[in-house]
Amino acid sequence: MFYITAGVATVLFILVVFVFQEHPKLPPTQAQARARSIPPEQYSYTASIRRLLCNKPFIILIITYGQSLTYVLFFLPFQGEEVNAGRIGLTIIIAGMVGSLICGIWLDRTKTYKQTTLVVYFMSLVGMIVFTSTLSLGHLWVVFVTAGALGFFMTGYLPLGFEFAVELTYPESEGTSSGLLNCSAQVFGIIFTICQGKIIDQFGTLAGNIFLCIFLLIGTVLTGKTFLFRFQVAHSNAQESSLLQVPSYCSKSSRVPAISQASHKSSRIKF
């Protein structure tokens, strides 16, 4: 198995070195187009991270993203079903791959980033609750179905988190925001795996899964808070823009003096 992994990694390394382009001819996003216009000596990766860490909605997304991609540790309440435990894990992975593909297509067609992110996160919570409640029923096929539903939504949150991060952090580079999200997932994964393992050893599988359900509930509330915060900012910006518009019936002598660009920038809500 290790030789196969090493062989695949070697082939991918050769493809990256000799086949992959450094960057496409046309920038894929507005953030990349803006980044290319900045000279390399003027771009500061450290300053970009500082700006991202001062972005409150993005910080909330980092926390919720790490909480959603947790590893589910469980033991089947059946004797001699270790093989099926691995198959259930495989079911979660395959269903997650399908969920990631479908969520990506849905986002590309609807552009409903915030709404889809909130719905999928909530369904991850529902899937975890159903999976926890059916684990001890004694029906193995039910566990497979609920595990597939859990993996579909929980792993399907992967592309949603990246796309939502790009929206929250524009015009920052999406590579920086994606890197911070991956770091968050790894850190929370380590913490939750250790904590859940201790809880399962002391109190059983049910208590360990309830532990994850609680944090998914917290993540759902925080995701909704991010959505409301973005709505308030957009509503405030819309009101600000309406105040800057001059009615058509106003004469040249009675028009409102134009607000300077500097003062307009200083009055914009920062997050």
C-alpha atoms as a PDB file:
ATOM      1  CA  MET A   1       0.000   0.000   0.000  1.00  0.00           C
ATOM      2  CA  PHE A   2       2.830   2.393   0.837  1.00  0.00           C
ATOM      3  CA  TYR A   3       4.575   1.617  -2.457  1.00  0.00           C
ATOM      4  CA  ILE A   4       1.381   2.429  -4.359  1.00  0.00           C
ATOM      5  CA  THR A   5       1.004   5.716  -2.501  1.00  0.00           C
ATOM      6  CA  ALA A   6       4.628   6.602  -3.188  1.00  0.00           C
ATOM      7  CA  GLY A   7       4.216   5.747  -6.876  1.00  0.00           C
ATOM      8  CA  VAL A   8       1.100   7.901  -7.276  1.00  0.00           C
ATOM      9  CA  ALA A   9       2.764  10.796  -5.450  1.00  0.00           C
ATOM     10  CA  THR A  10       5.833  10.508  -7.723  1.00  0.00           C
ATOM     11  CA  VAL A  11       3.695  10.595 -10.874  1.00  0.00           C
ATOM     12  CA  LEU A  12       1.819  13.656  -9.596  1.00  0.00           C
ATOM     13  CA  PHE A  13       5.105  15.372  -8.768  1.00  0.00           C
ATOM     14  CA  ILE A  14       6.411  14.818 -12.295  1.00  0.00           C
ATOM     15  CA  LEU A  15       3.169  16.150 -13.793  1.00  0.00           C
ATOM     16  CA  VAL A  16       3.297  19.272 -11.635  1.00  0.00           C
ATOM     17  CA  VAL A  17       6.922  19.997 -12.561  1.00  0.00           C
ATOM     18  CA  PHE A  18       6.778  19.366 -16.305  1.00  0.00           C
ATOM     19  CA  VAL A  19       3.122  19.696 -17.359  1.00  0.00           C
ATOM     20  CA  PHE A  20       1.321  22.174 -15.106  1.00  0.00           C
ATOM     21  CA  GLN A  21       1.510  25.858 -16.020  1.00  0.00           C
ATOM     22  CA  GLU A  22       2.584  28.415 -13.464  1.00  0.00           C
ATOM     23  CA  HIS A  23      -0.685  30.279 -13.996  1.00  0.00           C
ATOM     24  CA  PRO A  24      -3.355  30.394 -16.733  1.00  0.00           C
ATOM     25  CA  LYS A  25      -3.176  32.965 -19.511  1.00  0.00           C
ATOM     26  CA  LEU A  26      -6.348  34.656 -18.302  1.00  0.00           C
ATOM     27  CA  PRO A  27      -6.870  35.248 -14.570  1.00  0.00           C
ATOM     28  CA  PRO A  28      -9.675  33.000 -13.278  1.00  0.00           C
ATOM     29  CA  THR A  29     -10.988  35.514 -10.740  1.00  0.00           C
ATOM     30  CA  GLN A  30     -11.029  39.256 -10.130  1.00  0.00           C
ATOM     31  CA  ALA A  31      -8.769  38.773  -7.130  1.00  0.00           C
ATOM     32  CA  GLN A  32      -6.142  37.097  -9.332  1.00  0.00           C
ATOM     33  CA  ALA A  33      -6.457  39.842 -11.947  1.00  0.00           C
ATOM     34  CA  ARG A  34      -5.827  42.435  -9.254  1.00  0.00           C
ATOM     35  CA  ALA A  35      -2.908  40.435  -7.811  1.00  0.00           C
ATOM     36  CA  ARG A  36      -1.205  40.257 -11.213  1.00  0.00           C
ATOM     37  CA  SER A  37      -1.367  44.023 -11.550  1.00  0.00           C
ATOM     38  CA  ILE A  38       0.618  44.445  -8.317  1.00  0.00           C
ATOM     39  CA  PRO A  39       4.420  44.171  -8.646  1.00  0.00           C
ATOM     40  CA  PRO A  40       5.808  41.212  -6.666  1.00  0.00           C
ATOM     41  CA  GLU A  41       8.014  43.473  -4.552  1.00  0.00           C
ATOM     42  CA  GLN A  42       4.971  45.452  -3.420  1.00  0.00           C
ATOM     43  CA  TYR A  43       2.876  42.441  -2.385  1.00  0.00           C
ATOM     44  CA  SER A  44       3.136  41.428   1.264  1.00  0.00           C
ATOM     45  CA  TYR A  45       1.920  37.985   2.262  1.00  0.00           C
ATOM     46  CA  THR A  46       2.203  38.917   5.937  1.00  0.00           C
ATOM     47  CA  ALA A  47       0.096  42.034   5.458  1.00  0.00           C
ATOM     48  CA  SER A  48      -2.527  39.974   3.631  1.00  0.00           C
ATOM     49  CA  ILE A  49      -2.758  37.525   6.537  1.00  0.00           C
ATOM     50  CA  ARG A  50      -3.085  40.413   8.986  1.00  0.00           C
ATOM     51  CA  ARG A  51      -5.963  41.871   7.005  1.00  0.00           C
ATOM     52  CA  LEU A  52      -7.665  38.483   6.887  1.00  0.00           C
ATOM     53  CA  LEU A  53      -7.274  37.996  10.638  1.00  0.00           C
ATOM     54  CA  CYS A  54      -8.958  41.365  11.153  1.00  0.00           C
ATOM     55  CA  ASN A  55     -11.924  40.279   9.018  1.00  0.00           C
ATOM     56  CA  LYS A  56     -14.544  39.186  11.566  1.00  0.00           C
ATOM     57  CA  PRO A  57     -16.798  37.209   9.195  1.00  0.00           C
ATOM     58  CA  PHE A  58     -13.768  35.331   7.883  1.00  0.00           C
ATOM     59  CA  ILE A  59     -12.611  34.491  11.409  1.00  0.00           C
ATOM     60  CA  ILE A  60     -16.054  33.045  12.126  1.00  0.00           C
ATOM     61  CA  LEU A  61     -15.824  31.053   8.891  1.00  0.00           C
ATOM     62  CA  ILE A  62     -12.409  29.680   9.928  1.00  0.00           C
ATOM     63  CA  ILE A  63     -13.909  28.423  13.187  1.00  0.00           C
ATOM     64  CA  THR A  64     -17.032  26.923  11.625  1.00  0.00           C
ATOM     65  CA  TYR A  65     -15.078  25.399   8.742  1.00  0.00           C
ATOM     66  CA  GLY A  66     -12.732  23.612  11.133  1.00  0.00           C
ATOM     67  CA  GLN A  67     -15.639  22.374  13.239  1.00  0.00           C
ATOM     68  CA  SER A  68     -17.556  20.997  10.258  1.00  0.00           C
ATOM     69  CA  LEU A  69     -14.711  18.847   8.878  1.00  0.00           C
ATOM     70  CA  THR A  70     -14.230  16.710  11.966  1.00  0.00           C
ATOM     71  CA  TYR A  71     -13.372  13.065  11.976  1.00  0.00           C
ATOM     72  CA  VAL A  72     -16.168  10.808  13.183  1.00  0.00           C
ATOM     73  CA  LEU A  73     -14.866   8.096  15.469  1.00  0.00           C
ATOM     74  CA  PHE A  74     -17.273   5.312  16.198  1.00  0.00           C
ATOM     75  CA  PHE A  75     -17.451   1.630  17.018  1.00  0.00           C
ATOM     76  CA  LEU A  76     -20.244  -0.522  15.635  1.00  0.00           C
ATOM     77  CA  PRO A  77     -22.388  -2.103  18.356  1.00  0.00           C
ATOM     78  CA  PHE A  78     -22.071  -5.466  16.593  1.00  0.00           C
ATOM     79  CA  GLN A  79     -19.537  -8.165  17.213  1.00  0.00           C
ATOM     80  CA  GLY A  80     -17.012  -8.869  14.449  1.00  0.00           C
ATOM     81  CA  GLU A  81     -18.034  -5.964  12.198  1.00  0.00           C
ATOM     82  CA  GLU A  82     -14.643  -4.320  11.920  1.00  0.00           C
ATOM     83  CA  VAL A  83     -14.689  -4.759   8.135  1.00  0.00           C
ATOM     84  CA  ASN A  84     -18.062  -3.035   7.863  1.00  0.00           C
ATOM     85  CA  ALA A  85     -16.723  -0.173   9.959  1.00  0.00           C
ATOM     86  CA  GLY A  86     -14.140   0.441   7.248  1.00  0.00           C
ATOM     87  CA  ARG A  87     -16.821   0.140   4.579  1.00  0.00           C
ATOM     88  CA  ILE A  88     -18.925   2.743   6.366  1.00  0.00           C
ATOM     89  CA  GLY A  89     -15.936   5.062   6.353  1.00  0.00           C
ATOM     90  CA  LEU A  90     -15.570   4.435   2.616  1.00  0.00           C
ATOM     91  CA  THR A  91     -19.262   5.233   2.167  1.00  0.00           C
ATOM     92  CA  ILE A  92     -18.770   8.562   3.912  1.00  0.00           C
ATOM     93  CA  ILE A  93     -15.847   9.413   1.613  1.00  0.00           C
ATOM     94  CA  ILE A  94     -17.637   8.444  -1.616  1.00  0.00           C
ATOM     95  CA  ALA A  95     -20.820  10.262  -0.636  1.00  0.00           C
ATOM     96  CA  GLY A  96     -18.706  13.284   0.253  1.00  0.00           C
ATOM     97  CA  MET A  97     -17.110  13.273  -3.189  1.00  0.00           C
ATOM     98  CA  VAL A  98     -20.558  13.288  -4.779  1.00  0.00           C
ATOM     99  CA  GLY A  99     -21.695  16.045  -2.412  1.00  0.00           C
ATOM    100  CA  SER A 100     -18.683  18.209  -3.234  1.00  0.00           C
ATOM    101  CA  LEU A 101     -19.353  17.842  -6.965  1.00  0.00           C
ATOM    102  CA  ILE A 102     -23.060  18.638  -6.668  1.00  0.00           C
ATOM    103  CA  CYS A 103     -22.492  21.600  -4.340  1.00  0.00           C
ATOM    104  CA  GLY A 104     -19.885  23.006  -6.716  1.00  0.00           C
ATOM    105  CA  ILE A 105     -22.254  22.745  -9.687  1.00  0.00           C
ATOM    106  CA  TRP A 106     -25.066  24.297  -7.650  1.00  0.00           C
ATOM    107  CA  LEU A 107     -22.906  27.252  -6.656  1.00  0.00           C
ATOM    108  CA  ASP A 108     -21.752  27.785 -10.227  1.00  0.00           C
ATOM    109  CA  ARG A 109     -25.338  28.014 -11.461  1.00  0.00           C
ATOM    110  CA  THR A 110     -27.067  29.854  -8.614  1.00  0.00           C
ATOM    111  CA  LYS A 111     -24.299  31.976  -7.011  1.00  0.00           C
ATOM    112  CA  THR A 112     -26.152  31.641  -3.681  1.00  0.00           C
ATOM    113  CA  TYR A 113     -23.036  31.311  -1.542  1.00  0.00           C
ATOM    114  CA  LYS A 114     -24.323  32.387   1.851  1.00  0.00           C
ATOM    115  CA  GLN A 115     -27.682  30.608   1.671  1.00  0.00           C
ATOM    116  CA  THR A 116     -26.200  27.352   0.403  1.00  0.00           C
ATOM    117  CA  THR A 117     -23.439  27.419   3.014  1.00  0.00           C
ATOM    118  CA  LEU A 118     -25.949  27.833   5.835  1.00  0.00           C
ATOM    119  CA  VAL A 119     -28.271  25.105   4.522  1.00  0.00           C
ATOM    120  CA  VAL A 120     -25.478  22.564   3.979  1.00  0.00           C
ATOM    121  CA  TYR A 121     -23.987  23.270   7.408  1.00  0.00           C
ATOM    122  CA  PHE A 122     -27.403  22.804   9.018  1.00  0.00           C
ATOM    123  CA  MET A 123     -27.922  19.552   7.114  1.00  0.00           C
ATOM    124  CA  SER A 124     -24.517  18.378   8.354  1.00  0.00           C
ATOM    125  CA  LEU A 125     -25.804  18.902  11.886  1.00  0.00           C
ATOM    126  CA  VAL A 126     -29.018  17.013  11.079  1.00  0.00           C
ATOM    127  CA  GLY A 127     -27.038  14.198   9.459  1.00  0.00           C
ATOM    128  CA  MET A 128     -24.801  13.885  12.513  1.00  0.00           C
ATOM    129  CA  ILE A 129     -27.794  13.760  14.842  1.00  0.00           C
ATOM    130  CA  VAL A 130     -29.527  11.095  12.739  1.00  0.00           C
ATOM    131  CA  PHE A 131     -26.302   9.101  12.413  1.00  0.00           C
ATOM    132  CA  THR A 132     -25.791   9.210  16.187  1.00  0.00           C
ATOM    133  CA  SER A 133     -29.366   8.184  16.966  1.00  0.00           C
ATOM    134  CA  THR A 134     -29.400   5.244  14.527  1.00  0.00           C
ATOM    135  CA  LEU A 135     -25.968   3.847  15.317  1.00  0.00           C
ATOM    136  CA  SER A 136     -27.244   1.651  18.145  1.00  0.00           C
ATOM    137  CA  LEU A 137     -30.509   0.467  16.542  1.00  0.00           C
ATOM    138  CA  GLY A 138     -28.959  -2.811  15.436  1.00  0.00           C
ATOM    139  CA  HIS A 139     -29.636  -2.422  11.707  1.00  0.00           C
ATOM    140  CA  LEU A 140     -26.432  -2.225   9.726  1.00  0.00           C
ATOM    141  CA  TRP A 141     -28.050  -1.002   6.496  1.00  0.00           C
ATOM    142  CA  VAL A 142     -29.508   1.992   8.362  1.00  0.00           C
ATOM    143  CA  VAL A 143     -26.028   2.939   9.522  1.00  0.00           C
ATOM    144  CA  PHE A 144     -24.785   2.820   5.921  1.00  0.00           C
ATOM    145  CA  VAL A 145     -27.603   5.103   4.748  1.00  0.00           C
ATOM    146  CA  THR A 146     -27.188   7.657   7.532  1.00  0.00           C
ATOM    147  CA  ALA A 147     -23.402   7.602   7.164  1.00  0.00           C
ATOM    148  CA  GLY A 148     -23.764   8.311   3.450  1.00  0.00           C
ATOM    149  CA  ALA A 149     -26.093  11.244   4.136  1.00  0.00           C
ATOM    150  CA  LEU A 150     -23.666  12.582   6.743  1.00  0.00           C
ATOM    151  CA  GLY A 151     -20.713  12.365   4.369  1.00  0.00           C
ATOM    152  CA  PHE A 152     -22.698  13.947   1.528  1.00  0.00           C
ATOM    153  CA  PHE A 153     -23.322  17.161   3.442  1.00  0.00           C
ATOM    154  CA  MET A 154     -20.281  17.289   5.714  1.00  0.00           C
ATOM    155  CA  THR A 155     -17.685  16.753   2.980  1.00  0.00           C
ATOM    156  CA  GLY A 156     -19.836  18.646   0.497  1.00  0.00           C
ATOM    157  CA  TYR A 157     -19.169  21.704   2.642  1.00  0.00           C
ATOM    158  CA  LEU A 158     -15.562  21.754   1.370  1.00  0.00           C
ATOM    159  CA  PRO A 159     -16.099  23.754  -1.851  1.00  0.00           C
ATOM    160  CA  LEU A 160     -18.717  25.919  -0.157  1.00  0.00           C
ATOM    161  CA  GLY A 161     -16.259  27.020   2.499  1.00  0.00           C
ATOM    162  CA  PHE A 162     -13.620  27.958  -0.067  1.00  0.00           C
ATOM    163  CA  GLU A 163     -16.061  29.880  -2.258  1.00  0.00           C
ATOM    164  CA  PHE A 164     -17.612  31.672   0.706  1.00  0.00           C
ATOM    165  CA  ALA A 165     -14.131  32.612   1.939  1.00  0.00           C
ATOM    166  CA  VAL A 166     -13.315  34.164  -1.443  1.00  0.00           C
ATOM    167  CA  GLU A 167     -16.489  36.239  -1.245  1.00  0.00           C
ATOM    168  CA  LEU A 168     -15.800  37.374   2.323  1.00  0.00           C
ATOM    169  CA  THR A 169     -12.151  38.275   1.741  1.00  0.00           C
ATOM    170  CA  TYR A 170     -12.145  39.902  -1.721  1.00  0.00           C
ATOM    171  CA  PRO A 171      -9.857  41.449  -2.957  1.00  0.00           C
ATOM    172  CA  GLU A 172      -7.394  39.321  -0.990  1.00  0.00           C
ATOM    173  CA  SER A 173      -5.843  36.346  -2.760  1.00  0.00           C
ATOM    174  CA  GLU A 174      -7.975  33.213  -2.543  1.00  0.00           C
ATOM    175  CA  GLY A 175      -4.814  31.163  -2.027  1.00  0.00           C
ATOM    176  CA  THR A 176      -4.210  32.842   1.320  1.00  0.00           C
ATOM    177  CA  SER A 177      -7.765  32.392   2.554  1.00  0.00           C
ATOM    178  CA  SER A 178      -7.844  28.763   1.377  1.00  0.00           C
ATOM    179  CA  GLY A 179      -4.584  28.059   3.186  1.00  0.00           C
ATOM    180  CA  LEU A 180      -5.963  29.427   6.442  1.00  0.00           C
ATOM    181  CA  LEU A 181      -9.098  27.306   6.058  1.00  0.00           C
ATOM    182  CA  ASN A 182      -7.020  24.170   5.511  1.00  0.00           C
ATOM    183  CA  CYS A 183      -4.919  25.010   8.556  1.00  0.00           C
ATOM    184  CA  SER A 184      -8.084  25.432  10.611  1.00  0.00           C
ATOM    185  CA  ALA A 185      -9.425  22.052   9.455  1.00  0.00           C
ATOM    186  CA  GLN A 186      -6.190  20.303  10.466  1.00  0.00           C
ATOM    187  CA  VAL A 187      -6.002  21.974  13.869  1.00  0.00           C
ATOM    188  CA  PHE A 188      -9.639  21.281  14.726  1.00  0.00           C
ATOM    189  CA  GLY A 189      -9.305  17.746  13.356  1.00  0.00           C
ATOM    190  CA  ILE A 190      -6.422  16.986  15.718  1.00  0.00           C
ATOM    191  CA  ILE A 191      -8.157  18.542  18.722  1.00  0.00           C
ATOM    192  CA  PHE A 192     -11.515  16.869  18.073  1.00  0.00           C
ATOM    193  CA  THR A 193      -9.971  13.472  17.339  1.00  0.00           C
ATOM    194  CA  ILE A 194      -8.072  13.483  20.640  1.00  0.00           C
ATOM    195  CA  CYS A 195     -11.023  14.819  22.643  1.00  0.00           C
ATOM    196  CA  GLN A 196     -13.557  12.463  21.104  1.00  0.00           C
ATOM    197  CA  GLY A 197     -11.242   9.515  21.596  1.00  0.00           C
ATOM    198  CA  LYS A 198     -10.944  10.338  25.306  1.00  0.00           C
ATOM    199  CA  ILE A 199     -14.715  10.755  25.611  1.00  0.00           C
ATOM    200  CA  ILE A 200     -15.396   7.436  23.850  1.00  0.00           C
ATOM    201  CA  ASP A 201     -12.943   5.641  26.145  1.00  0.00           C
ATOM    202  CA  GLN A 202     -14.591   7.085  29.251  1.00  0.00           C
ATOM    203  CA  PHE A 203     -18.299   7.357  28.355  1.00  0.00           C
ATOM    204  CA  GLY A 204     -18.893   5.413  25.128  1.00  0.00           C
ATOM    205  CA  THR A 205     -19.604   6.085  21.471  1.00  0.00           C
ATOM    206  CA  LEU A 206     -22.869   7.934  22.028  1.00  0.00           C
ATOM    207  CA  ALA A 207     -21.240  10.558  24.219  1.00  0.00           C
ATOM    208  CA  GLY A 208     -18.460  11.077  21.669  1.00  0.00           C
ATOM    209  CA  ASN A 209     -20.926  11.686  18.853  1.00  0.00           C
ATOM    210  CA  ILE A 210     -23.011  14.006  21.023  1.00  0.00           C
ATOM    211  CA  PHE A 211     -19.800  15.961  21.605  1.00  0.00           C
ATOM    212  CA  LEU A 212     -19.514  16.507  17.840  1.00  0.00           C
ATOM    213  CA  CYS A 213     -23.210  17.374  17.538  1.00  0.00           C
ATOM    214  CA  ILE A 214     -22.808  20.153  20.094  1.00  0.00           C
ATOM    215  CA  PHE A 215     -19.960  21.752  18.178  1.00  0.00           C
ATOM    216  CA  LEU A 216     -21.803  21.401  14.871  1.00  0.00           C
ATOM    217  CA  LEU A 217     -24.733  23.204  16.490  1.00  0.00           C
ATOM    218  CA  ILE A 218     -22.398  25.995  17.586  1.00  0.00           C
ATOM    219  CA  GLY A 219     -20.979  26.140  14.069  1.00  0.00           C
ATOM    220  CA  THR A 220     -24.477  26.400  12.579  1.00  0.00           C
ATOM    221  CA  VAL A 221     -25.314  29.339  14.831  1.00  0.00           C
ATOM    222  CA  LEU A 222     -22.035  31.068  13.961  1.00  0.00           C
ATOM    223  CA  THR A 223     -22.634  30.488  10.243  1.00  0.00           C
ATOM    224  CA  GLY A 224     -26.042  32.094  10.566  1.00  0.00           C
ATOM    225  CA  LYS A 225     -24.442  34.978  12.416  1.00  0.00           C
ATOM    226  CA  THR A 226     -21.994  35.458   9.540  1.00  0.00           C
ATOM    227  CA  PHE A 227     -24.908  35.494   7.109  1.00  0.00           C
ATOM    228  CA  LEU A 228     -26.759  38.128   9.150  1.00  0.00           C
ATOM    229  CA  PHE A 229     -23.613  40.236   9.492  1.00  0.00           C
ATOM    230  CA  ARG A 230     -23.074  40.220   5.744  1.00  0.00           C
ATOM    231  CA  PHE A 231     -26.730  41.144   5.196  1.00  0.00           C
ATOM    232  CA  GLN A 232     -26.425  44.111   7.575  1.00  0.00           C
ATOM    233  CA  VAL A 233     -23.263  45.307   5.815  1.00  0.00           C
ATOM    234  CA  ALA A 234     -24.881  45.025   2.387  1.00  0.00           C
ATOM    235  CA  HIS A 235     -27.996  46.833   3.616  1.00  0.00           C
ATOM    236  CA  SER A 236     -25.887  49.608   5.150  1.00  0.00           C
ATOM    237  CA  ASN A 237     -23.862  49.995   1.939  1.00  0.00           C
ATOM    238  CA  ALA A 238     -27.074  50.159  -0.092  1.00  0.00           C
ATOM    239  CA  GLN A 239     -28.416  52.940   2.138  1.00  0.00           C
ATOM    240  CA  GLU A 240     -25.099  54.769   1.850  1.00  0.00           C
ATOM    241  CA  SER A 241     -25.209  54.545  -1.944  1.00  0.00           C
ATOM    242  CA  SER A 242     -28.787  55.839  -2.041  1.00  0.00           C
ATOM    243  CA  LEU A 243     -27.764  58.884  -0.010  1.00  0.00           C
ATOM    244  CA  LEU A 244     -25.031  59.665  -2.523  1.00  0.00           C
ATOM    245  CA  GLN A 245     -27.440  59.658  -5.468  1.00  0.00           C
ATOM    246  CA  VAL A 246     -28.682  63.039  -6.679  1.00  0.00           C
ATOM    247  CA  PRO A 247     -32.382  63.273  -7.614  1.00  0.00           C
ATOM    248  CA  SER A 248     -33.043  64.023 -11.283  1.00  0.00           C
ATOM    249  CA  TYR A 249     -35.231  67.014 -10.488  1.00  0.00           C
ATOM    250  CA  CYS A 250     -32.455  68.855  -8.678  1.00  0.00           C
ATOM    251  CA  SER A 251     -30.968  71.755 -10.591  1.00  0.00           C
ATOM    252  CA  LYS A 252     -27.266  72.296 -10.905  1.00  0.00           C
ATOM    253  CA  SER A 253     -27.367  75.070  -8.353  1.00  0.00           C
ATOM    254  CA  SER A 254     -29.282  73.007  -5.805  1.00  0.00           C
ATOM    255  CA  ARG A 255     -27.378  69.745  -6.037  1.00  0.00           C
ATOM    256  CA  VAL A 256     -25.846  68.229  -2.947  1.00  0.00           C
ATOM    257  CA  PRO A 257     -22.073  68.725  -2.833  1.00  0.00           C
ATOM    258  CA  ALA A 258     -20.208  65.617  -3.836  1.00  0.00           C
ATOM    259  CA  ILE A 259     -18.568  63.668  -1.064  1.00  0.00           C
ATOM    260  CA  SER A 260     -14.875  63.273  -1.535  1.00  0.00           C
ATOM    261  CA  GLN A 261     -13.503  59.823  -2.218  1.00  0.00           C
ATOM    262  CA  ALA A 262     -11.388  59.875   0.932  1.00  0.00           C
ATOM    263  CA  SER A 263     -14.334  60.639   3.199  1.00  0.00           C
ATOM    264  CA  HIS A 264     -16.439  58.044   1.417  1.00  0.00           C
ATOM    265  CA  LYS A 265     -13.814  55.388   2.058  1.00  0.00           C
ATOM    266  CA  SER A 266     -13.487  56.364   5.691  1.00  0.00           C
ATOM    267  CA  SER A 267     -17.213  55.991   6.240  1.00  0.00           C
ATOM    268  CA  ARG A 268     -17.405  52.516   4.738  1.00  0.00           C
ATOM    269  CA  ILE A 269     -17.961  49.670   7.140  1.00  0.00           C
ATOM    270  CA  LYS A 270     -14.885  47.573   7.646  1.00  0.00           C
ATOM    271  CA  PHE A 271     -14.918  43.906   8.565  1.00  0.00           C
END
